[in-house]
C-alpha atoms as a PDB file:
ATOM      1  CA  MET A   1      16.813  -3.102   3.170  1.00  0.00           C
ATOM      2  CA  GLN A   2      16.559  -0.453   5.901  1.00  0.00           C
ATOM      3  CA  LEU A   3      13.282   0.452   7.678  1.00  0.00           C
ATOM      4  CA  THR A   4      13.105   3.777   5.941  1.00  0.00           C
ATOM      5  CA  GLU A   5      13.317   2.048   2.621  1.00  0.00           C
ATOM      6  CA  ALA A   6      10.620  -0.466   3.569  1.00  0.00           C
ATOM      7  CA  ILE A   7       8.317   2.429   4.691  1.00  0.00           C
ATOM      8  CA  GLU A   8       8.977   4.172   1.429  1.00  0.00           C
ATOM      9  CA  LEU A   9       8.107   1.106  -0.567  1.00  0.00           C
ATOM     10  CA  ILE A  10       4.698   0.492   1.059  1.00  0.00           C
ATOM     11  CA  LYS A  11       3.670   4.033   2.128  1.00  0.00           C
ATOM     12  CA  ASP A  12       0.233   5.046   0.916  1.00  0.00           C
ATOM     13  CA  PRO A  13      -2.255   7.542   2.391  1.00  0.00           C
ATOM     14  CA  GLU A  14      -5.120   4.988   2.044  1.00  0.00           C
ATOM     15  CA  ILE A  15      -3.409   2.523   4.498  1.00  0.00           C
ATOM     16  CA  GLY A  16      -4.852   2.734   7.882  1.00  0.00           C
ATOM     17  CA  ALA A  17      -7.670   4.888   9.242  1.00  0.00           C
ATOM     18  CA  ASP A  18      -8.498   7.026  12.205  1.00  0.00           C
ATOM     19  CA  GLU A  19      -9.431   4.222  14.591  1.00  0.00           C
ATOM     20  CA  PRO A  20      -7.076   1.440  15.851  1.00  0.00           C
ATOM     21  CA  GLN A  21      -6.816  -1.466  13.495  1.00  0.00           C
ATOM     22  CA  SER A  22      -5.947  -5.167  13.585  1.00  0.00           C
ATOM     23  CA  TRP A  23      -3.690  -6.467  10.888  1.00  0.00           C
ATOM     24  CA  ALA A  24      -1.786  -9.740  10.152  1.00  0.00           C
ATOM     25  CA  ASP A  25       1.660  -9.874   8.641  1.00  0.00           C
ATOM     26  CA  PHE A  26       1.981 -13.343   7.078  1.00  0.00           C
ATOM     27  CA  GLY A  27       5.609 -14.381   6.672  1.00  0.00           C
ATOM     28  CA  CYS A  28       6.890 -11.617   8.843  1.00  0.00           C
ATOM     29  CA  GLY A  29      10.503 -12.769   9.141  1.00  0.00           C
ATOM     30  CA  SER A  30      12.614 -10.159  10.804  1.00  0.00           C
ATOM     31  CA  GLY A  31       9.691  -7.776  11.155  1.00  0.00           C
ATOM     32  CA  LEU A  32      11.017  -5.168   8.703  1.00  0.00           C
ATOM     33  CA  PHE A  33       7.752  -4.603   6.926  1.00  0.00           C
ATOM     34  CA  THR A  34       5.819  -5.235  10.228  1.00  0.00           C
ATOM     35  CA  LYS A  35       7.494  -2.225  11.598  1.00  0.00           C
ATOM     36  CA  ALA A  36       7.022  -0.292   8.382  1.00  0.00           C
ATOM     37  CA  LEU A  37       3.234  -0.933   8.460  1.00  0.00           C
ATOM     38  CA  ALA A  38       3.137  -0.170  12.217  1.00  0.00           C
ATOM     39  CA  SER A  39       4.425   3.305  11.356  1.00  0.00           C
ATOM     40  CA  MET A  40       1.455   3.980   9.258  1.00  0.00           C
ATOM     41  CA  LEU A  41      -1.297   2.627  11.580  1.00  0.00           C
ATOM     42  CA  PRO A  42      -3.185   4.608  14.174  1.00  0.00           C
ATOM     43  CA  ALA A  43      -2.073   4.562  17.894  1.00  0.00           C
ATOM     44  CA  SER A  44      -3.141   1.446  19.760  1.00  0.00           C
ATOM     45  CA  SER A  45      -3.403  -0.842  16.594  1.00  0.00           C
ATOM     46  CA  VAL A  46      -2.113  -4.418  16.751  1.00  0.00           C
ATOM     47  CA  ILE A  47      -0.261  -6.463  14.076  1.00  0.00           C
ATOM     48  CA  TYR A  48      -0.173 -10.316  14.366  1.00  0.00           C
ATOM     49  CA  ALA A  49       3.216 -11.178  12.944  1.00  0.00           C
ATOM     50  CA  VAL A  50       3.083 -14.746  11.678  1.00  0.00           C
ATOM     51  CA  ASP A  51       6.118 -16.805  10.658  1.00  0.00           C
ATOM     52  CA  MET A  52       7.401 -20.317  11.011  1.00  0.00           C
ATOM     53  CA  GLN A  53      10.711 -18.957  12.321  1.00  0.00           C
ATOM     54  CA  PRO A  54      10.103 -15.351  13.426  1.00  0.00           C
ATOM     55  CA  SER A  55      13.140 -13.376  14.443  1.00  0.00           C
ATOM     56  CA  LEU A  56      10.930 -10.563  15.808  1.00  0.00           C
ATOM     57  CA  ALA A  57      10.155 -10.097  19.406  1.00  0.00           C
ATOM     58  CA  PRO A  58       6.719  -9.000  20.648  1.00  0.00           C
ATOM     59  CA  ASN A  59       6.888  -5.260  20.980  1.00  0.00           C
ATOM     60  CA  VAL A  60       4.984  -2.110  21.565  1.00  0.00           C
ATOM     61  CA  LEU A  61       6.263   0.619  19.235  1.00  0.00           C
ATOM     62  CA  PRO A  62       6.421   4.364  19.992  1.00  0.00           C
ATOM     63  CA  ASN A  63       2.970   4.980  18.485  1.00  0.00           C
ATOM     64  CA  LYS A  64       1.640   2.338  20.786  1.00  0.00           C
ATOM     65  CA  THR A  65       1.121  -0.126  17.973  1.00  0.00           C
ATOM     66  CA  ARG A  66       1.432  -3.655  19.431  1.00  0.00           C
ATOM     67  CA  ILE A  67       3.270  -6.540  17.640  1.00  0.00           C
ATOM     68  CA  GLU A  68       1.998 -10.013  18.672  1.00  0.00           C
ATOM     69  CA  VAL A  69       4.371 -12.737  17.325  1.00  0.00           C
ATOM     70  CA  ILE A  70       2.840 -16.061  16.247  1.00  0.00           C
ATOM     71  CA  LYS A  71       5.022 -18.929  15.363  1.00  0.00           C
ATOM     72  CA  ALA A  72       3.081 -20.786  12.658  1.00  0.00           C
ATOM     73  CA  ASP A  73       2.957 -21.758   9.017  1.00  0.00           C
ATOM     74  CA  PHE A  74       0.583 -19.157   7.616  1.00  0.00           C
ATOM     75  CA  VAL A  75      -0.320 -21.310   4.646  1.00  0.00           C
ATOM     76  CA  ASN A  76      -0.905 -24.720   6.281  1.00  0.00           C
ATOM     77  CA  ASP A  77      -1.648 -24.091   9.951  1.00  0.00           C
ATOM     78  CA  GLN A  78      -5.090 -23.199  11.368  1.00  0.00           C
ATOM     79  CA  LEU A  79      -4.607 -19.591  12.721  1.00  0.00           C
ATOM     80  CA  GLU A  80      -6.708 -18.350  15.529  1.00  0.00           C
ATOM     81  CA  LEU A  81      -6.840 -14.690  14.616  1.00  0.00           C
ATOM     82  CA  PRO A  82      -9.393 -12.055  15.448  1.00  0.00           C
ATOM     83  CA  ASN A  83     -11.202 -10.107  12.759  1.00  0.00           C
ATOM     84  CA  LEU A  84      -8.643  -8.129  10.787  1.00  0.00           C
ATOM     85  CA  ASN A  85      -8.733  -4.790   8.898  1.00  0.00           C
ATOM     86  CA  GLY A  86      -5.869  -5.860   6.643  1.00  0.00           C
ATOM     87  CA  ILE A  87      -3.148  -8.395   5.704  1.00  0.00           C
ATOM     88  CA  LEU A  88       0.392  -7.628   4.906  1.00  0.00           C
ATOM     89  CA  MET A  89       2.346 -10.123   2.794  1.00  0.00           C
ATOM     90  CA  ALA A  90       5.887  -8.854   2.135  1.00  0.00           C
ATOM     91  CA  ASN A  91       7.897 -11.339   0.029  1.00  0.00           C
ATOM     92  CA  SER A  92       5.701 -14.197   1.206  1.00  0.00           C
ATOM     93  CA  LEU A  93       2.945 -14.647  -1.378  1.00  0.00           C
ATOM     94  CA  HIS A  94       5.519 -16.290  -3.571  1.00  0.00           C
ATOM     95  CA  TYR A  95       5.663 -19.242  -1.041  1.00  0.00           C
ATOM     96  CA  VAL A  96       2.002 -20.021  -1.710  1.00  0.00           C
ATOM     97  CA  LYS A  97       1.323 -22.398  -4.546  1.00  0.00           C
ATOM     98  CA  ASP A  98      -2.531 -22.286  -4.686  1.00  0.00           C
ATOM     99  CA  LYS A  99      -2.803 -18.399  -4.177  1.00  0.00           C
ATOM    100  CA  LYS A 100      -6.481 -18.161  -4.994  1.00  0.00           C
ATOM    101  CA  SER A 101      -7.616 -20.915  -2.439  1.00  0.00           C
ATOM    102  CA  PHE A 102      -5.312 -19.287   0.195  1.00  0.00           C
ATOM    103  CA  LEU A 103      -6.656 -15.804  -0.258  1.00  0.00           C
ATOM    104  CA  LEU A 104     -10.216 -16.988  -0.268  1.00  0.00           C
ATOM    105  CA  SER A 105      -9.525 -18.642   3.057  1.00  0.00           C
ATOM    106  CA  VAL A 106      -7.990 -15.643   4.681  1.00  0.00           C
ATOM    107  CA  THR A 107     -10.522 -13.174   3.385  1.00  0.00           C
ATOM    108  CA  GLY A 108     -13.022 -14.559   5.768  1.00  0.00           C
ATOM    109  CA  LYS A 109     -11.069 -12.914   8.547  1.00  0.00           C
ATOM    110  CA  LEU A 110     -11.448  -9.537   7.044  1.00  0.00           C
ATOM    111  CA  VAL A 111     -13.953  -6.951   8.255  1.00  0.00           C
ATOM    112  CA  SER A 112     -15.527  -4.217   6.090  1.00  0.00           C
ATOM    113  CA  ASP A 113     -13.353  -2.206   3.781  1.00  0.00           C
ATOM    114  CA  PRO A 114     -10.532  -4.881   3.921  1.00  0.00           C
ATOM    115  CA  GLN A 115      -7.014  -4.162   2.677  1.00  0.00           C
ATOM    116  CA  PHE A 116      -4.046  -6.208   1.493  1.00  0.00           C
ATOM    117  CA  VAL A 117      -0.625  -4.741   1.211  1.00  0.00           C
ATOM    118  CA  ILE A 118       1.579  -7.003  -0.957  1.00  0.00           C
ATOM    119  CA  VAL A 119       5.328  -6.780  -1.609  1.00  0.00           C
ATOM    120  CA  GLU A 120       6.629  -9.100  -4.416  1.00  0.00           C
ATOM    121  CA  TYR A 121       9.080  -9.554  -7.289  1.00  0.00           C
ATOM    122  CA  ASN A 122       7.732  -8.370 -10.671  1.00  0.00           C
ATOM    123  CA  THR A 123       8.689 -11.613 -12.397  1.00  0.00           C
ATOM    124  CA  LEU A 124       7.126 -15.004 -13.317  1.00  0.00           C
ATOM    125  CA  SER A 125      10.614 -16.755 -13.282  1.00  0.00           C
ATOM    126  CA  SER A 126      10.876 -19.103 -10.265  1.00  0.00           C
ATOM    127  CA  ASN A 127      13.937 -20.076  -8.321  1.00  0.00           C
ATOM    128  CA  ARG A 128      14.503 -21.729  -4.987  1.00  0.00           C
ATOM    129  CA  TRP A 129      13.888 -18.448  -2.946  1.00  0.00           C
ATOM    130  CA  VAL A 130      10.826 -17.500  -5.018  1.00  0.00           C
ATOM    131  CA  PRO A 131       9.182 -20.852  -5.838  1.00  0.00           C
ATOM    132  CA  TYR A 132       5.694 -19.507  -6.972  1.00  0.00           C
ATOM    133  CA  PRO A 133       6.342 -15.925  -8.225  1.00  0.00           C
ATOM    134  CA  ILE A 134       3.605 -13.503  -9.184  1.00  0.00           C
ATOM    135  CA  ASP A 135       4.141 -10.426 -11.249  1.00  0.00           C
ATOM    136  CA  PHE A 136       1.908  -7.258 -10.830  1.00  0.00           C
ATOM    137  CA  SER A 137      -0.183  -8.135 -13.785  1.00  0.00           C
ATOM    138  CA  SER A 138      -0.959 -11.549 -12.379  1.00  0.00           C
ATOM    139  CA  LEU A 139      -1.553 -10.200  -9.030  1.00  0.00           C
ATOM    140  CA  LYS A 140      -4.238  -7.795 -10.522  1.00  0.00           C
ATOM    141  CA  GLN A 141      -5.956 -10.753 -12.162  1.00  0.00           C
ATOM    142  CA  LEU A 142      -5.733 -12.856  -9.020  1.00  0.00           C
ATOM    143  CA  PHE A 143      -7.377 -10.258  -6.706  1.00  0.00           C
ATOM    144  CA  ALA A 144     -10.015  -9.144  -9.344  1.00  0.00           C
ATOM    145  CA  GLY A 145     -11.040 -12.816  -9.732  1.00  0.00           C
ATOM    146  CA  ILE A 146     -11.878 -12.997  -5.967  1.00  0.00           C
ATOM    147  CA  GLY A 147     -13.832  -9.794  -5.855  1.00  0.00           C
ATOM    148  CA  PHE A 148     -11.388  -7.050  -5.134  1.00  0.00           C
ATOM    149  CA  THR A 149     -11.963  -3.835  -7.120  1.00  0.00           C
ATOM    150  CA  THR A 150      -9.037  -1.621  -6.352  1.00  0.00           C
ATOM    151  CA  ILE A 151      -5.602  -3.071  -7.104  1.00  0.00           C
ATOM    152  CA  LYS A 152      -2.959  -0.386  -7.407  1.00  0.00           C
ATOM    153  CA  LYS A 153       0.762  -0.352  -7.471  1.00  0.00           C
ATOM    154  CA  ILE A 154       2.163   1.777  -4.610  1.00  0.00           C
ATOM    155  CA  ASN A 155       5.826   1.821  -5.507  1.00  0.00           C
ATOM    156  CA  GLU A 156       8.703  -0.327  -6.880  1.00  0.00           C
ATOM    157  CA  ARG A 157      12.435  -0.576  -6.459  1.00  0.00           C
ATOM    158  CA  THR A 158      15.232  -2.796  -7.885  1.00  0.00           C
ATOM    159  CA  SER A 159      16.010  -5.838  -5.887  1.00  0.00           C
ATOM    160  CA  ILE A 160      19.497  -6.044  -4.491  1.00  0.00           C
ATOM    161  CA  TYR A 161      19.709  -9.683  -5.530  1.00  0.00           C
ATOM    162  CA  ASN A 162      19.130  -9.268  -9.249  1.00  0.00           C
ATOM    163  CA  GLU A 163      17.764  -6.871 -11.898  1.00  0.00           C
ATOM    164  CA  VAL A 164      14.135  -7.774 -11.133  1.00  0.00           C
ATOM    165  CA  LYS A 165      12.023  -4.955  -9.666  1.00  0.00           C
ATOM    166  CA  MET A 166      10.100  -5.407  -6.442  1.00  0.00           C
ATOM    167  CA  TYR A 167       6.743  -3.855  -6.282  1.00  0.00           C
ATOM    168  CA  SER A 168       4.237  -3.098  -3.621  1.00  0.00           C
ATOM    169  CA  ALA A 169       0.493  -3.033  -4.095  1.00  0.00           C
ATOM    170  CA  LEU A 170      -2.609  -1.945  -2.163  1.00  0.00           C
ATOM    171  CA  ILE A 171      -5.625  -4.012  -2.674  1.00  0.00           C
ATOM    172  CA  ARG A 172      -9.132  -2.974  -1.427  1.00  0.00           C
ATOM    173  CA  SER A 173     -12.650  -4.220  -2.132  1.00  0.00           C
END
């Protein structure tokens, strides 16, 4: 996937605000979606890109959004993060077995009007690359069950690996 495609997949006018924001990207990998999110945030925002094996270098992007790379296991390690406006999880929530407990633990870092941006495969069939899948219907139930009231699909596209669709969602309280 190219950066323009990643931007198109998660682009929504409700993401971001007028003031600089702090976000975390759990499972950032190469930083493709980190950079896509950065393109939507106000100038001088910061994204904490967390991954066990990040292949993304710390960076300051043209809009002055700063990317801070943290080498850690976002599920099992104790992360020292500041208060966050949002959390991005692009193709990473399917690595979390106990999703409800995990989400409850990270929502404590979120400030008022918190946002999640999720990118996942719209399937419940697991495989070695997607061990704990979550389709959009299950995602809605999961987030509603922990108190979030707005759970909307932003976009979807067919995965290059199989016929399964990938979806993106914006979740707000």
